[in-house]
C-alpha atoms as a PDB file:
ATOM      1  CA  MET A   1      -9.261  -5.440  -6.927  1.00  0.00           C
ATOM      2  CA  ASN A   2      -9.586  -5.094 -10.923  1.00  0.00           C
ATOM      3  CA  ALA A   3     -13.191  -6.187 -10.906  1.00  0.00           C
ATOM      4  CA  GLY A   4     -14.269  -3.373  -7.955  1.00  0.00           C
ATOM      5  CA  GLN A   5     -15.079  -5.886  -5.420  1.00  0.00           C
ATOM      6  CA  VAL A   6     -12.394  -5.093  -2.695  1.00  0.00           C
ATOM      7  CA  GLY A   7     -13.550  -2.213  -0.572  1.00  0.00           C
ATOM      8  CA  ALA A   8     -10.220  -1.683   1.395  1.00  0.00           C
ATOM      9  CA  ILE A   9      -6.573  -2.986   1.101  1.00  0.00           C
ATOM     10  CA  MET A  10      -4.216  -2.446   3.643  1.00  0.00           C
ATOM     11  CA  ILE A  11      -0.282  -2.915   2.453  1.00  0.00           C
ATOM     12  CA  TYR A  12       2.401  -3.604   4.974  1.00  0.00           C
ATOM     13  CA  GLY A  13       6.268  -4.402   4.056  1.00  0.00           C
ATOM     14  CA  ALA A  14       5.482  -4.577   0.120  1.00  0.00           C
ATOM     15  CA  ASN A  15       6.151  -1.994  -2.666  1.00  0.00           C
ATOM     16  CA  PRO A  16       3.953  -3.766  -5.643  1.00  0.00           C
ATOM     17  CA  SER A  17       3.917  -0.421  -7.874  1.00  0.00           C
ATOM     18  CA  TYR A  18       7.724  -0.881  -8.129  1.00  0.00           C
ATOM     19  CA  ASN A  19       8.472  -4.519  -7.368  1.00  0.00           C
ATOM     20  CA  TYR A  20       5.366  -6.239  -9.007  1.00  0.00           C
ATOM     21  CA  HIS A  21       6.006  -7.274 -12.632  1.00  0.00           C
ATOM     22  CA  ALA A  22       3.085  -5.879 -13.749  1.00  0.00           C
ATOM     23  CA  ALA A  23       3.065  -2.674 -11.735  1.00  0.00           C
ATOM     24  CA  ASP A  24       0.847  -1.004 -14.317  1.00  0.00           C
ATOM     25  CA  LYS A  25      -1.718  -3.287 -13.789  1.00  0.00           C
ATOM     26  CA  PHE A  26      -1.332  -3.488 -10.186  1.00  0.00           C
ATOM     27  CA  ASN A  27      -1.789   0.193 -10.114  1.00  0.00           C
ATOM     28  CA  ALA A  28      -4.779   0.517 -12.196  1.00  0.00           C
ATOM     29  CA  ALA A  29      -6.733  -2.157  -9.843  1.00  0.00           C
ATOM     30  CA  LEU A  30      -5.424  -0.499  -6.894  1.00  0.00           C
ATOM     31  CA  ALA A  31      -7.347   2.990  -8.230  1.00  0.00           C
ATOM     32  CA  LYS A  32     -10.468   0.803  -8.207  1.00  0.00           C
ATOM     33  CA  VAL A  33     -10.226   0.087  -4.600  1.00  0.00           C
ATOM     34  CA  LYS A  34     -12.135   2.863  -2.261  1.00  0.00           C
ATOM     35  CA  THR A  35      -9.946   2.625   1.021  1.00  0.00           C
ATOM     36  CA  LYS A  36      -6.466   2.027   0.764  1.00  0.00           C
ATOM     37  CA  ILE A  37      -3.738   2.324   3.491  1.00  0.00           C
ATOM     38  CA  SER A  38      -0.133   2.187   3.717  1.00  0.00           C
ATOM     39  CA  PHE A  39       2.121   1.164   6.897  1.00  0.00           C
ATOM     40  CA  ASN A  40       4.984   2.576   5.554  1.00  0.00           C
ATOM     41  CA  GLU A  41       7.611   5.079   6.993  1.00  0.00           C
ATOM     42  CA  TYR A  42       8.783   6.433   3.597  1.00  0.00           C
ATOM     43  CA  LEU A  43       6.658   7.812   0.827  1.00  0.00           C
ATOM     44  CA  ASP A  44       7.403   4.657  -1.951  1.00  0.00           C
ATOM     45  CA  GLU A  45       5.844   4.059  -5.147  1.00  0.00           C
ATOM     46  CA  THR A  46       2.757   2.064  -3.655  1.00  0.00           C
ATOM     47  CA  THR A  47       2.367   4.635  -0.887  1.00  0.00           C
ATOM     48  CA  GLU A  48       1.894   7.570  -3.001  1.00  0.00           C
ATOM     49  CA  HIS A  49      -1.081   5.715  -4.356  1.00  0.00           C
ATOM     50  CA  CYS A  50      -2.800   5.359  -0.821  1.00  0.00           C
ATOM     51  CA  ASP A  51      -5.339   7.442   0.589  1.00  0.00           C
ATOM     52  CA  TYR A  52      -3.872   6.882   4.186  1.00  0.00           C
ATOM     53  CA  VAL A  53      -0.229   6.430   5.506  1.00  0.00           C
ATOM     54  CA  ILE A  54       0.398   5.084   8.795  1.00  0.00           C
ATOM     55  CA  PRO A  55       3.819   4.898   9.510  1.00  0.00           C
ATOM     56  CA  ASP A  56       5.531   1.731  11.317  1.00  0.00           C
ATOM     57  CA  SER A  57       7.881   3.300  13.141  1.00  0.00           C
ATOM     58  CA  SER A  58       8.563   0.745  16.023  1.00  0.00           C
ATOM     59  CA  PHE A  59      11.888  -0.548  16.425  1.00  0.00           C
ATOM     60  CA  PRO A  60      12.099  -4.033  17.020  1.00  0.00           C
ATOM     61  CA  GLY A  61      12.823  -5.012  20.606  1.00  0.00           C
ATOM     62  CA  LYS A  62      11.834  -1.412  21.724  1.00  0.00           C
ATOM     63  CA  LEU A  63       9.217  -1.008  24.375  1.00  0.00           C
ATOM     64  CA  GLY A  64       6.962   1.741  24.834  1.00  0.00           C
END
């Protein structure tokens, strides 16, 4: 990402902008990615940096 060679990133089940020990470096590299997608039902620190938010609202075991 930091080299600008990642065109898109999809983030699911993680919040590296908060949990990663070098979150500032992650966020700087993330800013170089053209398309950033978060699959999160909450607006967390990583999701705030994303272009698209696709909530994962499915409950385990729920059909339909």
